[in-house]
Amino acid sequence: MLELRINGFGGQGSVTLAHLLAQAALENGEHGQALPFFGVERRGAPVRAAVRMSPTTIHAHSQCELPNFVVVMSEKLVQAAVNEGICETGTVIINAPQALAVNNYPTWQVDAETIAREADLFSADGPNINIPLFGAVCRVLNIPQNIMEQTLMNKWPGANGRRNLGAAGKAYNTVAQIGV
């Protein structure tokens, strides 16, 4: 079973990203489980969500303590995300404008904010970085691009889906491994 935690700020789309990843697992013939964590979160406050993916039935329903992957939606949260826990062989996926190695963990970097801006993906809170991050995470997890595309088009058919496809596809093709 693969566990993934998403660390972001309220309003960045952490929960939506978790749901998209769980749905992509289902579309890919696996089991997926999105685990949003709701406490006293508010827009701009640190938030987290988690995802489990497995080729077999998932029986766990608790939060992910030591995930295999940590997705960091803002470079301001890197240290807090790593301190919260990651397995020894874990991997970090980070939204950052430039390469940023994280401790001794294999690290993948994508500039999700620039990709979202270029695709004109905005909400009241700013650029929707969760869509490019979805593409980047799918690539790192070896989820085929056609499954990523199918997941997005099922969620947002029509013009919005096609715009999301462009941003996710660009991130899928540009996410780069930068550390360890």
Protein backbone atom coordinates (compact mmCIF):
# COMPACT_ATOMS: atom_id res chain seq x y z
CA MET A 1 0.00 0.00 0.00
CA LEU A 2 1.23 3.47 -0.87
CA GLU A 3 0.51 6.42 1.44
CA LEU A 4 0.84 10.06 0.46
CA ARG A 5 0.34 13.21 2.56
CA ILE A 6 -0.36 16.65 1.12
CA ASN A 7 0.77 19.69 3.11
CA GLY A 8 -0.58 23.04 1.96
CA PHE A 9 -2.36 26.18 3.03
CA GLY A 10 -6.14 26.47 3.26
CA GLY A 11 -7.53 27.48 -0.12
CA GLN A 12 -4.78 25.81 -2.20
CA GLY A 13 -6.87 22.74 -2.95
CA SER A 14 -5.20 20.06 -0.81
CA VAL A 15 -8.45 18.16 -0.32
CA THR A 16 -9.39 18.34 -4.01
CA LEU A 17 -5.91 17.07 -4.90
CA ALA A 18 -6.37 14.12 -2.51
CA HIS A 19 -9.73 13.26 -4.07
CA LEU A 20 -8.31 13.48 -7.61
CA LEU A 21 -5.43 11.15 -6.71
CA ALA A 22 -7.77 8.60 -5.09
CA GLN A 23 -10.00 8.74 -8.16
CA ALA A 24 -6.99 8.28 -10.46
CA ALA A 25 -6.09 5.14 -8.50
CA LEU A 26 -9.63 3.83 -9.08
CA GLU A 27 -9.48 4.73 -12.79
CA ASN A 28 -6.17 2.85 -12.92
CA GLY A 29 -7.77 -0.34 -11.55
CA GLU A 30 -6.52 0.04 -7.98
CA HIS A 31 -8.16 0.99 -4.71
CA GLY A 32 -7.93 4.59 -3.59
CA GLN A 33 -8.80 6.38 -0.38
CA ALA A 34 -8.80 10.15 0.18
CA LEU A 35 -8.33 11.24 3.78
CA PRO A 36 -9.07 14.93 4.26
CA PHE A 37 -8.08 16.22 7.67
CA PHE A 38 -10.49 18.78 9.01
CA GLY A 39 -9.75 20.54 12.25
CA VAL A 40 -9.93 24.27 12.78
CA GLU A 41 -8.48 24.97 9.33
CA ARG A 42 -9.19 28.25 7.65
CA ARG A 43 -8.03 29.92 4.48
CA GLY A 44 -4.32 30.58 4.65
CA ALA A 45 -3.68 28.29 7.64
CA PRO A 46 -1.57 25.13 7.22
CA VAL A 47 -3.74 22.14 6.24
CA ARG A 48 -3.17 18.55 5.23
CA ALA A 49 -4.87 15.71 3.46
CA ALA A 50 -3.73 12.18 2.69
CA VAL A 51 -4.24 9.47 0.10
CA ARG A 52 -3.85 5.72 0.14
CA MET A 53 -3.50 3.62 -3.02
CA SER A 54 -3.31 -0.15 -3.19
CA PRO A 55 -3.85 -2.98 -5.67
CA THR A 56 -5.82 -4.73 -2.90
CA THR A 57 -8.60 -3.63 -0.56
CA ILE A 58 -7.58 -0.92 1.89
CA HIS A 59 -8.59 -1.76 5.44
CA ALA A 60 -6.85 1.14 7.22
CA HIS A 61 -8.90 4.26 7.88
CA SER A 62 -6.56 6.23 10.14
CA GLN A 63 -4.42 9.19 9.15
CA CYS A 64 -1.08 8.51 7.46
CA GLU A 65 1.71 8.85 10.02
CA LEU A 66 4.80 8.00 7.94
CA PRO A 67 3.77 8.33 4.28
CA ASN A 68 5.85 7.14 1.34
CA PHE A 69 5.35 10.49 -0.41
CA VAL A 70 4.87 14.01 0.89
CA VAL A 71 3.49 16.66 -1.45
CA VAL A 72 4.45 20.18 -0.34
CA MET A 73 2.22 22.82 -1.92
CA SER A 74 4.35 25.75 -0.70
CA GLU A 75 8.09 25.87 -0.11
CA LYS A 76 7.30 27.72 3.14
CA LEU A 77 5.97 24.39 4.49
CA VAL A 78 8.92 22.15 3.60
CA GLN A 79 10.44 21.84 7.07
CA ALA A 80 7.07 21.46 8.81
CA ALA A 81 6.00 18.79 6.30
CA VAL A 82 9.17 16.75 6.78
CA ASN A 83 9.05 17.20 10.57
CA GLU A 84 5.48 15.90 10.59
CA GLY A 85 6.80 12.56 9.37
CA ILE A 86 7.86 10.66 6.28
CA CYS A 87 9.14 7.10 5.97
CA GLU A 88 12.90 6.56 5.74
CA THR A 89 12.70 5.78 2.04
CA GLY A 90 10.14 8.53 1.41
CA THR A 91 10.03 10.98 -1.46
CA VAL A 92 9.13 14.69 -1.43
CA ILE A 93 7.25 16.38 -4.28
CA ILE A 94 7.39 20.16 -4.02
CA ASN A 95 5.83 23.15 -5.72
CA ALA A 96 8.71 25.61 -6.04
CA PRO A 97 9.92 27.98 -8.76
CA GLN A 98 13.46 26.56 -8.61
CA ALA A 99 15.20 23.34 -7.61
CA LEU A 100 15.02 22.82 -3.87
CA ALA A 101 16.53 19.63 -2.42
CA VAL A 102 14.91 18.49 0.82
CA ASN A 103 17.19 16.95 3.46
CA ASN A 104 18.29 13.50 2.32
CA TYR A 105 15.06 12.57 0.57
CA PRO A 106 14.61 12.05 -3.15
CA THR A 107 12.90 15.26 -4.24
CA TRP A 108 10.82 16.13 -7.29
CA GLN A 109 10.13 19.77 -8.16
CA VAL A 110 7.52 21.44 -10.34
CA ASP A 111 6.63 25.12 -10.65
CA ALA A 112 2.90 24.56 -10.26
CA GLU A 113 2.16 28.22 -9.60
CA THR A 114 3.64 29.40 -12.90
CA ILE A 115 1.90 26.59 -14.79
CA ALA A 116 -1.46 27.50 -13.18
CA ARG A 117 -0.99 31.19 -14.02
CA GLU A 118 -0.08 30.42 -17.63
CA ALA A 119 -3.21 28.24 -17.93
CA ASP A 120 -5.36 30.99 -16.35
CA LEU A 121 -6.41 28.70 -13.50
CA PHE A 122 -7.45 31.04 -10.71
CA SER A 123 -9.84 31.11 -7.78
CA ALA A 124 -10.53 33.86 -5.28
CA ASP A 125 -7.44 32.66 -3.37
CA GLY A 126 -5.02 32.82 -6.30
CA PRO A 127 -3.70 30.26 -8.78
CA ASN A 128 -5.15 26.73 -8.59
CA ILE A 129 -1.87 24.91 -8.09
CA ASN A 130 -3.59 21.64 -7.22
CA ILE A 131 -4.27 20.88 -10.89
CA PRO A 132 -0.61 21.08 -12.01
CA LEU A 133 0.41 19.24 -8.83
CA PHE A 134 -2.04 16.48 -9.75
CA GLY A 135 -0.21 16.04 -13.05
CA ALA A 136 3.20 16.08 -11.38
CA VAL A 137 2.21 13.57 -8.69
CA CYS A 138 0.68 11.24 -11.31
CA ARG A 139 4.01 11.26 -13.17
CA VAL A 140 6.05 10.57 -10.02
CA LEU A 141 3.68 7.73 -9.04
CA ASN A 142 3.80 6.27 -12.58
CA ILE A 143 0.08 6.79 -13.13
CA PRO A 144 -0.29 6.83 -16.94
CA GLN A 145 -1.02 10.21 -18.49
CA ASN A 146 -4.22 8.93 -20.12
CA ILE A 147 -5.54 7.94 -16.66
CA MET A 148 -4.68 11.42 -15.36
CA GLU A 149 -6.52 12.96 -18.30
CA GLN A 150 -9.55 10.67 -17.90
CA THR A 151 -9.78 11.55 -14.20
CA LEU A 152 -9.78 15.29 -14.93
CA MET A 153 -12.31 15.06 -17.77
CA ASN A 154 -14.65 12.96 -15.62
CA LYS A 155 -14.45 15.61 -12.89
CA TRP A 156 -14.67 18.66 -15.18
CA PRO A 157 -16.09 17.86 -18.62
CA GLY A 158 -15.92 20.49 -21.34
CA ALA A 159 -13.82 23.63 -21.56
CA ASN A 160 -12.78 23.67 -17.89
CA GLY A 161 -11.58 20.10 -18.16
CA ARG A 162 -9.57 20.85 -21.30
CA ARG A 163 -7.92 23.85 -19.60
CA ASN A 164 -7.10 21.67 -16.60
CA LEU A 165 -5.69 19.02 -18.95
CA GLY A 166 -3.23 21.53 -20.38
CA ALA A 167 -1.92 22.55 -16.96
CA ALA A 168 -1.77 18.99 -15.59
CA GLY A 169 -0.15 17.74 -18.78
CA LYS A 170 2.53 20.42 -18.67
CA ALA A 171 3.35 19.53 -15.06
CA TYR A 172 3.31 15.81 -15.90
CA ASN A 173 5.95 16.45 -18.55
CA THR A 174 8.09 18.97 -16.66
CA VAL A 175 8.29 17.67 -13.07
CA ALA A 176 11.93 16.86 -12.44
CA GLN A 177 13.83 14.84 -9.88
CA ILE A 178 16.37 17.11 -8.23
CA GLY A 179 17.64 15.39 -5.10
CA VAL A 180 19.22 12.12 -3.99
